[in-house]
Protein backbone atom coordinates (compact mmCIF):
# COMPACT_ATOMS: atom_id res chain seq x y z
CA MET A 1 70.78 -67.75 -80.70
CA HIS A 2 71.42 -68.08 -84.41
CA GLU A 3 67.98 -67.02 -85.56
CA ILE A 4 67.73 -63.88 -87.68
CA ASP A 5 65.13 -61.49 -86.33
CA ILE A 6 64.38 -57.78 -86.36
CA ASP A 7 66.40 -57.19 -83.17
CA LEU A 8 69.48 -58.77 -84.74
CA ILE A 9 69.12 -56.68 -87.88
CA GLU A 10 68.78 -53.53 -85.80
CA MET A 11 71.81 -54.51 -83.72
CA THR A 12 73.81 -55.09 -86.90
CA LEU A 13 72.95 -51.60 -88.05
CA ASP A 14 73.95 -50.16 -84.67
CA VAL A 15 77.27 -51.98 -84.80
CA MET A 16 77.96 -50.85 -88.36
CA LYS A 17 77.05 -47.27 -87.47
CA TYR A 18 79.48 -47.37 -84.53
CA ALA A 19 82.21 -48.88 -86.71
CA ILE A 20 81.74 -46.25 -89.42
CA ASN A 21 81.82 -43.44 -86.86
CA ARG A 22 84.94 -44.88 -85.24
CA ILE A 23 86.76 -45.36 -88.55
CA THR A 24 85.98 -41.83 -89.73
CA ASP A 25 86.60 -40.11 -86.38
CA MET A 26 89.52 -37.72 -86.88
CA ASP A 27 89.62 -36.68 -83.21
CA PRO A 28 89.25 -39.89 -81.16
CA HIS A 29 88.70 -39.90 -77.43
CA LEU A 30 91.67 -41.06 -75.34
CA GLY A 31 90.05 -43.45 -72.90
CA LYS A 32 91.31 -44.06 -69.41
CA PRO A 33 90.86 -47.14 -67.25
CA LYS A 34 88.52 -47.38 -64.30
CA SER A 35 88.83 -49.81 -61.43
CA GLU A 36 86.92 -53.06 -61.52
CA ARG A 37 84.73 -51.78 -58.68
CA GLU A 38 83.88 -48.61 -60.62
CA LEU A 39 83.05 -50.58 -63.74
CA ARG A 40 80.91 -53.04 -61.79
CA SER A 41 78.90 -50.19 -60.29
CA LEU A 42 78.37 -48.64 -63.73
CA VAL A 43 77.67 -51.80 -65.68
CA GLY A 44 76.22 -54.28 -63.21
CA GLU A 45 75.81 -57.93 -64.11
CA THR A 46 75.95 -58.49 -67.86
CA VAL A 47 76.11 -62.26 -68.21
CA THR A 48 72.81 -63.51 -66.81
CA PRO A 49 70.57 -66.58 -67.34
CA SER A 50 68.10 -64.68 -69.51
CA GLY A 51 70.47 -62.13 -71.07
CA ILE A 52 70.27 -58.35 -70.96
CA GLY A 53 69.55 -57.90 -74.66
CA GLY A 54 71.76 -56.72 -77.46
CA GLU A 55 70.68 -53.11 -77.28
CA ARG A 56 71.53 -52.82 -73.60
CA ALA A 57 74.81 -54.74 -73.94
CA PHE A 58 75.95 -52.59 -76.84
CA GLU A 59 74.93 -49.41 -74.99
CA LEU A 60 77.10 -50.44 -72.02
CA PHE A 61 80.02 -51.19 -74.32
CA ARG A 62 79.72 -47.93 -76.25
CA ASP A 63 79.05 -45.61 -73.32
CA VAL A 64 81.11 -47.19 -70.52
CA LEU A 65 83.45 -50.05 -71.38
CA VAL A 66 85.21 -48.76 -74.47
CA LYS A 67 85.66 -45.37 -72.83
CA ALA A 68 87.56 -47.11 -70.04
CA SER A 69 90.02 -48.43 -72.64
CA VAL A 70 92.73 -46.70 -74.65
CA PRO A 71 92.58 -46.76 -78.47
CA ILE A 72 95.96 -47.78 -79.84
CA ASP A 73 95.64 -45.37 -82.76
CA HIS A 74 95.17 -42.12 -80.84
CA PRO A 75 97.68 -39.62 -82.27
CA ARG A 76 98.94 -38.77 -78.76
CA HIS A 77 99.29 -42.39 -77.70
CA LEU A 78 103.07 -42.55 -77.91
CA ALA A 79 103.77 -45.09 -75.16
CA PHE A 80 105.04 -48.66 -75.51
CA VAL A 81 104.73 -49.56 -79.22
CA PRO A 82 101.36 -48.16 -80.29
CA ALA A 83 99.68 -48.94 -83.59
CA SER A 84 97.77 -47.13 -86.27
CA PRO A 85 95.80 -49.52 -88.46
CA THR A 86 94.59 -47.99 -91.69
CA ARG A 87 90.89 -47.40 -91.97
CA ALA A 88 90.85 -49.89 -94.82
CA ALA A 89 92.44 -52.54 -92.60
CA ILE A 90 90.02 -51.89 -89.75
CA MET A 91 87.08 -52.14 -92.11
CA PHE A 92 88.36 -55.37 -93.58
CA ASP A 93 88.91 -56.83 -90.12
CA LEU A 94 85.12 -56.74 -89.83
CA VAL A 95 84.89 -58.58 -93.14
CA THR A 96 87.48 -61.11 -91.98
CA SER A 97 85.38 -61.96 -88.93
CA ALA A 98 82.20 -62.12 -90.96
CA THR A 99 83.70 -64.62 -93.43
CA SER A 100 84.07 -67.26 -90.67
CA VAL A 101 86.99 -68.84 -92.54
CA HIS A 102 89.34 -71.21 -90.74
CA GLY A 103 92.82 -70.26 -91.88
CA ALA A 104 94.87 -73.30 -90.90
CA PHE A 105 94.50 -75.43 -94.04
CA TRP A 106 94.17 -74.71 -97.74
CA MET A 107 91.25 -77.12 -98.06
CA GLU A 108 89.09 -74.82 -95.94
CA GLY A 109 90.66 -71.42 -96.47
CA GLY A 110 92.35 -71.57 -99.88
CA GLY A 111 91.12 -68.27 -101.31
CA CYS A 112 91.73 -66.27 -98.13
CA ILE A 113 95.11 -67.94 -97.56
CA PHE A 114 96.03 -67.02 -101.14
CA ALA A 115 95.33 -63.36 -100.31
CA GLU A 116 97.34 -63.60 -97.07
CA ASN A 117 100.21 -65.07 -99.05
CA GLU A 118 100.17 -62.13 -101.45
CA ALA A 119 100.85 -59.83 -98.49
CA MET A 120 103.45 -62.28 -97.18
CA ARG A 121 105.34 -62.20 -100.50
CA TRP A 122 105.73 -58.45 -100.10
CA LEU A 123 107.01 -58.87 -96.52
CA VAL A 124 109.52 -61.48 -97.66
CA SER A 125 110.70 -59.21 -100.48
CA LEU A 126 111.52 -56.50 -97.92
CA THR A 127 113.96 -58.78 -96.11
CA GLY A 128 116.05 -59.64 -99.16
CA LEU A 129 115.99 -63.33 -98.24
CA PRO A 130 116.67 -65.67 -101.17
CA GLU A 131 114.09 -67.27 -103.43
CA GLY A 132 112.15 -69.95 -101.62
CA ALA A 133 111.94 -68.04 -98.36
CA PHE A 134 108.42 -67.67 -97.06
CA GLY A 135 106.39 -67.23 -93.90
CA VAL A 136 103.08 -67.26 -92.14
CA PHE A 137 101.00 -64.81 -90.15
CA THR A 138 100.83 -65.35 -86.39
CA SER A 139 99.09 -63.72 -83.45
CA GLY A 140 102.11 -61.51 -82.75
CA GLY A 141 105.83 -61.35 -82.13
CA THR A 142 105.82 -63.70 -79.15
CA GLU A 143 104.25 -66.52 -81.14
CA ALA A 144 106.48 -65.73 -84.12
CA ASN A 145 109.64 -65.85 -81.98
CA LEU A 146 108.49 -69.06 -80.34
CA SER A 147 107.71 -70.68 -83.70
CA ALA A 148 111.12 -69.67 -85.05
CA MET A 149 112.93 -71.11 -82.04
CA VAL A 150 111.02 -74.39 -82.27
CA ALA A 151 112.14 -74.60 -85.90
CA ALA A 152 115.72 -73.67 -84.93
CA ARG A 153 115.89 -76.33 -82.25
CA GLY A 154 114.35 -78.85 -84.62
CA ALA A 155 117.03 -78.15 -87.22
CA TRP A 156 119.76 -78.46 -84.55
CA ARG A 157 118.46 -81.82 -83.41
CA GLU A 158 118.05 -83.07 -86.97
CA LYS A 159 121.76 -82.49 -87.53
CA ASP A 160 122.63 -84.47 -84.41
CA PRO A 161 119.88 -86.81 -83.12
CA SER A 162 121.88 -87.33 -79.93
CA LYS A 163 120.76 -83.80 -78.95
CA ARG A 164 117.09 -84.87 -78.87
CA SER A 165 116.96 -84.64 -75.08
CA THR A 166 119.62 -81.95 -74.67
CA ARG A 167 118.58 -78.59 -73.21
CA GLY A 168 119.49 -75.98 -75.80
CA LEU A 169 121.20 -72.61 -75.36
CA VAL A 170 120.33 -69.34 -77.10
CA ILE A 171 122.49 -66.20 -77.07
CA THR A 172 120.97 -62.74 -77.35
CA SER A 173 121.45 -59.24 -75.92
CA ALA A 174 120.08 -57.74 -72.72
CA GLY A 175 118.14 -55.35 -74.95
CA ALA A 176 116.20 -58.15 -76.65
CA HIS A 177 112.43 -58.24 -76.24
CA SER A 178 111.09 -60.00 -73.15
CA SER A 179 109.35 -62.54 -75.39
CA VAL A 180 112.74 -64.08 -76.24
CA ARG A 181 113.25 -65.07 -72.61
CA ALA A 182 109.60 -66.10 -72.29
CA MET A 183 109.96 -68.23 -75.42
CA ALA A 184 112.99 -69.96 -73.94
CA LYS A 185 110.98 -70.94 -70.86
CA VAL A 186 108.33 -72.52 -73.05
CA ILE A 187 110.82 -74.68 -74.98
CA ASP A 188 112.91 -75.30 -71.85
CA ALA A 189 116.05 -73.68 -73.23
CA ASP A 190 118.63 -71.47 -71.55
CA VAL A 191 119.17 -67.87 -72.64
CA MET A 192 122.59 -66.29 -72.29
CA LEU A 193 122.40 -62.49 -72.30
CA ILE A 194 125.17 -60.26 -73.58
CA ASP A 195 125.12 -57.29 -71.26
CA THR A 196 124.40 -54.32 -73.48
CA GLU A 197 121.44 -51.96 -73.71
CA GLY A 198 122.93 -50.59 -76.88
CA ARG A 199 123.76 -52.23 -80.19
CA LEU A 200 124.85 -55.83 -80.07
CA GLY A 201 128.02 -55.94 -82.14
CA SER A 202 129.59 -58.93 -83.80
CA GLU A 203 132.75 -58.52 -81.70
CA MET A 204 130.65 -58.78 -78.51
CA LEU A 205 129.06 -61.96 -79.78
CA ALA A 206 132.38 -63.44 -80.86
CA GLU A 207 133.90 -62.71 -77.46
CA ARG A 208 130.96 -64.29 -75.62
CA ILE A 209 131.09 -67.39 -77.78
CA SER A 210 134.83 -67.71 -77.13
CA LEU A 211 134.08 -67.87 -73.40
CA LEU A 212 131.59 -70.73 -73.67
CA THR A 213 132.53 -73.87 -71.85
CA PRO A 214 132.66 -77.08 -73.91
CA GLU A 215 129.35 -78.11 -72.33
CA GLU A 216 127.72 -74.78 -73.22
CA ARG A 217 129.09 -74.88 -76.75
CA SER A 218 127.56 -78.33 -77.24
CA ARG A 219 124.14 -76.86 -76.35
CA PHE A 220 124.44 -73.61 -78.31
CA PHE A 221 122.02 -73.66 -81.26
CA ALA A 222 120.78 -70.12 -81.98
CA VAL A 223 121.48 -66.40 -81.82
CA VAL A 224 118.67 -63.85 -81.63
CA ALA A 225 119.50 -60.37 -82.91
CA THR A 226 117.13 -57.43 -82.71
CA ALA A 227 116.26 -55.10 -85.57
CA GLY A 228 114.66 -52.25 -83.69
CA THR A 229 114.65 -52.73 -79.93
CA THR A 230 111.33 -51.94 -78.29
CA ASN A 231 112.89 -49.53 -75.83
CA ALA A 232 115.09 -47.44 -78.09
CA GLY A 233 114.79 -48.58 -81.72
CA ILE A 234 118.36 -49.92 -81.81
CA ILE A 235 119.38 -52.25 -84.64
CA ASP A 236 122.05 -54.84 -83.88
CA ASP A 237 124.99 -55.56 -86.19
CA LEU A 238 122.96 -57.92 -88.35
CA GLU A 239 125.61 -58.42 -91.00
CA GLY A 240 128.44 -59.22 -88.58
CA ILE A 241 126.27 -61.45 -86.40
CA GLY A 242 124.88 -63.22 -89.44
CA LYS A 243 128.35 -64.04 -90.73
CA ILE A 244 129.37 -65.50 -87.37
CA CYS A 245 126.27 -67.69 -87.33
CA ARG A 246 126.97 -68.83 -90.89
CA ASP A 247 130.55 -69.75 -90.01
CA LEU A 248 129.45 -71.72 -86.94
CA GLY A 249 126.39 -73.32 -88.48
CA VAL A 250 124.19 -71.74 -85.80
CA TRP A 251 120.61 -70.60 -86.45
CA PHE A 252 120.35 -66.82 -86.90
CA HIS A 253 116.99 -65.33 -85.91
CA VAL A 254 116.21 -61.62 -86.30
CA ASP A 255 113.47 -60.19 -84.11
CA ALA A 256 112.21 -57.25 -86.16
CA ALA A 257 108.75 -57.25 -84.59
CA TYR A 258 108.73 -53.47 -84.14
CA GLY A 259 111.47 -52.28 -86.48
CA GLY A 260 110.66 -54.53 -89.43
CA GLY A 261 108.21 -52.05 -90.87
CA ALA A 262 111.13 -49.70 -91.54
CA LEU A 263 112.44 -52.19 -94.10
CA ALA A 264 109.99 -50.44 -96.43
CA ALA A 265 111.50 -47.00 -95.72
CA PRO A 266 114.29 -46.13 -98.18
CA SER A 267 115.87 -43.63 -95.76
CA VAL A 268 116.82 -46.33 -93.24
CA ARG A 269 116.80 -49.60 -95.21
CA HIS A 270 120.61 -49.69 -95.18
CA LEU A 271 120.56 -50.04 -91.38
CA PHE A 272 119.14 -53.53 -91.82
CA THR A 273 121.96 -54.84 -94.00
CA GLY A 274 122.57 -58.45 -93.01
CA ILE A 275 118.94 -59.35 -92.37
CA GLU A 276 119.14 -61.32 -95.62
CA LEU A 277 121.49 -63.73 -93.81
CA ALA A 278 118.81 -64.71 -91.30
CA ASP A 279 117.34 -68.17 -90.98
CA SER A 280 114.14 -66.64 -89.62
CA VAL A 281 112.69 -63.18 -89.13
CA THR A 282 109.84 -61.86 -86.97
CA ILE A 283 107.82 -58.84 -88.16
CA ASP A 284 104.62 -57.52 -86.57
CA PRO A 285 102.31 -55.90 -89.15
CA HIS A 286 100.10 -54.78 -86.26
CA LYS A 287 102.88 -52.43 -85.19
CA TRP A 288 104.47 -50.40 -87.97
CA LEU A 289 102.63 -51.85 -90.97
CA PHE A 290 99.25 -50.41 -89.99
CA SER A 291 97.35 -53.67 -89.50
CA PRO A 292 94.86 -54.27 -86.65
CA TYR A 293 95.76 -56.41 -83.68
CA ASP A 294 96.51 -59.26 -83.71
CA CYS A 295 98.85 -59.79 -86.66
CA GLY A 296 102.46 -60.89 -86.43
CA ALA A 297 104.53 -62.82 -88.95
CA VAL A 298 107.41 -65.28 -88.98
CA ILE A 299 109.48 -65.75 -92.13
CA TYR A 300 111.81 -68.67 -92.77
CA ARG A 301 114.80 -68.90 -95.07
CA GLU A 302 113.97 -72.59 -95.58
CA PRO A 303 110.28 -73.11 -94.81
CA GLU A 304 110.63 -76.87 -95.10
CA ILE A 305 112.64 -76.91 -91.85
CA ALA A 306 109.75 -75.17 -90.09
CA ARG A 307 107.23 -77.54 -91.65
CA ARG A 308 109.08 -80.56 -90.30
CA ALA A 309 109.17 -78.97 -86.83
CA HIS A 310 105.56 -77.81 -86.67
CA SER A 311 103.38 -80.05 -88.85
CA GLN A 312 100.77 -81.87 -86.77
CA GLY A 313 99.29 -85.29 -87.34
CA GLY A 314 95.96 -86.87 -86.51
CA SER A 315 93.41 -89.10 -88.20
CA TYR A 316 90.99 -86.21 -88.57
CA LEU A 317 93.73 -84.08 -90.16
CA ASP A 318 94.79 -86.60 -92.83
CA ILE A 319 92.33 -85.27 -95.38
CA PHE A 320 94.08 -81.88 -95.34
CA TYR A 321 97.17 -83.50 -96.85
CA ASP A 322 95.35 -85.54 -99.47
CA GLU A 323 96.20 -84.92 -103.12
CA GLY A 324 92.83 -83.25 -103.64
CA ALA A 325 93.43 -80.75 -100.83
CA ARG A 326 97.00 -79.76 -101.62
CA GLY A 327 98.02 -76.19 -100.97
CA PHE A 328 99.84 -73.99 -98.47
CA ASN A 329 98.78 -74.90 -94.94
CA PRO A 330 99.68 -72.13 -92.45
CA ALA A 331 99.28 -74.54 -89.54
CA ASP A 332 102.42 -76.35 -90.71
CA TYR A 333 104.74 -73.40 -90.10
CA GLN A 334 103.94 -72.13 -86.59
CA ILE A 335 102.72 -73.45 -83.27
CA GLN A 336 99.05 -72.60 -83.73
CA LEU A 337 96.62 -75.02 -85.36
CA THR A 338 93.32 -73.16 -85.17
CA ARG A 339 93.81 -69.68 -86.60
CA ARG A 340 91.86 -66.87 -88.20
CA VAL A 341 93.06 -65.45 -91.52
CA ARG A 342 94.65 -62.54 -89.70
CA GLY A 343 96.73 -61.43 -92.69
CA LEU A 344 93.63 -60.45 -94.71
CA PRO A 345 93.29 -56.88 -93.37
CA LEU A 346 96.94 -56.22 -94.26
CA TRP A 347 96.41 -57.67 -97.74
CA PHE A 348 93.34 -55.52 -98.35
CA SER A 349 95.04 -52.35 -97.13
CA LEU A 350 98.11 -53.04 -99.27
CA ALA A 351 95.96 -53.83 -102.29
CA MET A 352 93.91 -50.66 -101.78
CA HIS A 353 96.68 -48.18 -101.03
CA GLY A 354 99.78 -49.65 -102.65
CA THR A 355 103.19 -50.18 -101.11
CA ASP A 356 104.43 -46.68 -102.01
CA ARG A 357 101.96 -45.10 -99.60
CA TYR A 358 103.05 -47.53 -96.93
CA ALA A 359 106.62 -46.37 -97.38
CA LEU A 360 105.53 -42.73 -97.03
CA ALA A 361 103.59 -43.44 -93.84
CA ILE A 362 106.55 -45.26 -92.29
CA GLU A 363 108.92 -42.45 -93.29
CA ARG A 364 106.58 -40.07 -91.48
CA GLY A 365 107.14 -41.93 -88.20
CA ILE A 366 110.90 -41.57 -88.66
CA GLU A 367 110.47 -37.88 -89.49
CA LEU A 368 108.35 -37.33 -86.35
CA ALA A 369 111.15 -38.79 -84.22
CA ARG A 370 113.62 -36.37 -85.78
CA ILE A 371 111.21 -33.46 -85.25
CA ALA A 372 110.87 -34.48 -81.59
CA GLY A 373 114.65 -34.56 -81.29
CA ARG A 374 114.92 -31.02 -82.61
CA LEU A 375 112.15 -29.76 -80.28
CA ILE A 376 113.85 -31.39 -77.29
CA ASP A 377 117.21 -29.87 -78.21
CA ALA A 378 115.56 -26.44 -78.38
CA ALA A 379 113.74 -26.69 -75.04
CA PRO A 380 115.62 -25.75 -71.84
CA HIS A 381 113.75 -28.14 -69.50
CA VAL A 382 114.35 -31.39 -71.40
CA GLU A 383 117.28 -33.08 -73.12
CA LEU A 384 117.87 -36.10 -75.32
CA VAL A 385 119.22 -39.24 -73.67
CA ARG A 386 120.46 -40.50 -77.05
CA GLU A 387 119.86 -39.61 -80.66
CA PRO A 388 116.48 -40.81 -82.01
CA SER A 389 116.61 -44.25 -83.60
CA LEU A 390 113.92 -45.35 -86.08
CA SER A 391 110.81 -43.84 -84.48
CA CYS A 392 111.90 -44.05 -80.82
CA VAL A 393 113.02 -41.05 -78.79
CA LEU A 394 114.41 -41.25 -75.25
CA TYR A 395 114.67 -37.99 -73.33
CA ARG A 396 114.78 -36.73 -69.77
CA ARG A 397 113.07 -33.93 -67.91
CA ILE A 398 115.97 -32.20 -66.20
CA GLY A 399 115.74 -32.52 -62.42
CA TRP A 400 112.94 -35.11 -62.32
CA GLN A 401 112.90 -38.27 -60.23
CA PRO A 402 110.98 -41.48 -61.10
CA ASP A 403 107.88 -40.41 -59.16
CA ASP A 404 107.73 -37.16 -61.16
CA TYR A 405 107.54 -39.12 -64.43
CA ASN A 406 104.82 -41.38 -63.06
CA ARG A 407 102.70 -38.48 -61.82
CA TRP A 408 103.09 -36.72 -65.16
CA THR A 409 102.04 -39.84 -67.07
CA TYR A 410 98.96 -40.41 -64.92
CA LYS A 411 97.89 -36.77 -65.03
CA ASN A 412 98.07 -36.50 -68.81
CA HIS A 413 96.23 -39.79 -69.16
CA SER A 414 93.58 -38.83 -66.59
CA ASP A 415 93.06 -35.51 -68.39
CA GLY A 416 92.48 -37.37 -71.66
CA PHE A 417 95.38 -35.50 -73.20
CA ALA A 418 98.11 -38.04 -73.98
CA LEU A 419 99.58 -41.37 -73.02
CA VAL A 420 103.37 -41.18 -72.80
CA ALA A 421 104.98 -43.58 -70.35
CA PRO A 422 108.43 -43.55 -68.76
CA THR A 423 111.02 -46.27 -69.24
CA LYS A 424 114.47 -47.02 -67.91
CA TRP A 425 117.78 -46.50 -69.65
CA ARG A 426 121.16 -47.65 -68.44
CA SER A 427 124.15 -45.40 -68.94
CA HIS A 428 127.59 -45.99 -67.39
CA GLY A 429 126.14 -48.83 -65.33
CA VAL A 430 123.35 -46.73 -63.82
CA HIS A 431 119.65 -47.21 -64.58
CA GLU A 432 117.76 -43.95 -65.00
CA THR A 433 114.05 -43.29 -65.42
CA VAL A 434 113.43 -41.30 -68.60
CA ALA A 435 110.56 -40.42 -70.91
CA ARG A 436 110.02 -42.15 -74.24
CA PHE A 437 108.19 -41.43 -77.47
CA CYS A 438 107.41 -44.10 -80.05
CA PHE A 439 105.93 -42.70 -83.25
CA ILE A 440 103.78 -44.96 -85.41
CA ASN A 441 100.74 -42.88 -86.26
CA PRO A 442 101.32 -40.52 -89.22
CA ASP A 443 98.43 -38.37 -87.90
CA THR A 444 100.56 -37.27 -84.93
CA THR A 445 101.50 -33.62 -85.41
CA GLU A 446 104.42 -31.42 -84.45
CA LYS A 447 102.01 -29.50 -82.23
CA ASP A 448 101.12 -32.72 -80.40
CA ILE A 449 104.79 -33.25 -79.62
CA ALA A 450 105.34 -29.64 -78.55
CA ASP A 451 102.28 -29.70 -76.29
CA ILE A 452 103.41 -32.90 -74.60
CA LEU A 453 106.87 -31.40 -73.95
CA ASP A 454 105.23 -28.23 -72.60
CA SER A 455 103.23 -30.35 -70.15
CA MET A 456 106.54 -31.24 -68.46
CA LYS A 457 107.35 -27.64 -67.53
């Protein structure tokens, strides 16, 4: 399978041609899913004893499979939290795979890890955390949040070894990302939710803490605040929450997986005041920092705490800690041992374009949200649910019920026009189905927004 022959060379050229065409395509196709039965009838059996050949396999991928998938960087893909990796980052993702570098230990990946760390230094500088703070690239926000909580619990138990078998307790808001609750299941901790879809304020946190029973207080080890909720782009009271955590000696984690990119935008940087008080921060470069999937990051105020919590041992790993192999080992700071050097595409894109252009691209997403707000205010058939926050816009089609939103979403997707999905928003105790924009791609235009709003008439 590893022999180099003419067929492999030709396949390589086909792949590179496809990649070049995809990277330079200014009007990408918005794919739509097909059922498994439909795909089976179109593709047939692909994994067979003798193989179907590279040419046939690639033809099926190019002509059928990828067209039944949605590109995250389509300018009218405004659902969930889309992404828009730079062309430089996409190109270098190919290079990253071709290098075949294992990015867990400096001994094997020193040069590539050095480049990753250059990008990480910039991320850390955005947070305002003190000198010595540092982080590591992960597969995404879920792994980053999990790694941070493992470190937080480790620090808690180091302070009081009697807690080694105690089930911990984390406090966060109802608007926190689902991965926070999923993370708690993995580490067998309880999550106490403060019932707010809006901004989690320090007074809410203080009140909830005051109501803890002595048993709950003995298990309370961390607070998770959100800097840019996935649903609405809301930023919690980071400064107030951070001060409470400092006073209580409780770990303060900020989940900025989506919103963290806006730390680079001067127009909204003040909204993140207090993030510099965090013990750990999650940021996903594959969201608003224009990196390909999968690239998250976790940053620690005191990386040594994370190293003590995560560092793995084993006779076959000893050599990685020998004097002759010393260096930064990413495996020591998050739950994953085997890892690709997923921060390289971000590093290359930053090195190529410069951080100023990143700031401009992020500001464009914020501007698009404000443009959408103005267009919604001017249209008689729609209205804002709340003022745009970061690059998220929640709005309603007047008179619509949940089924109307679903039909509209599926029709636009089926037509290859746009992917905009509904969500739910709670106001005055009532959950309502509404429409939602999330702007990441600077190639999205005002006309795109206007056309999507017109499709709701």
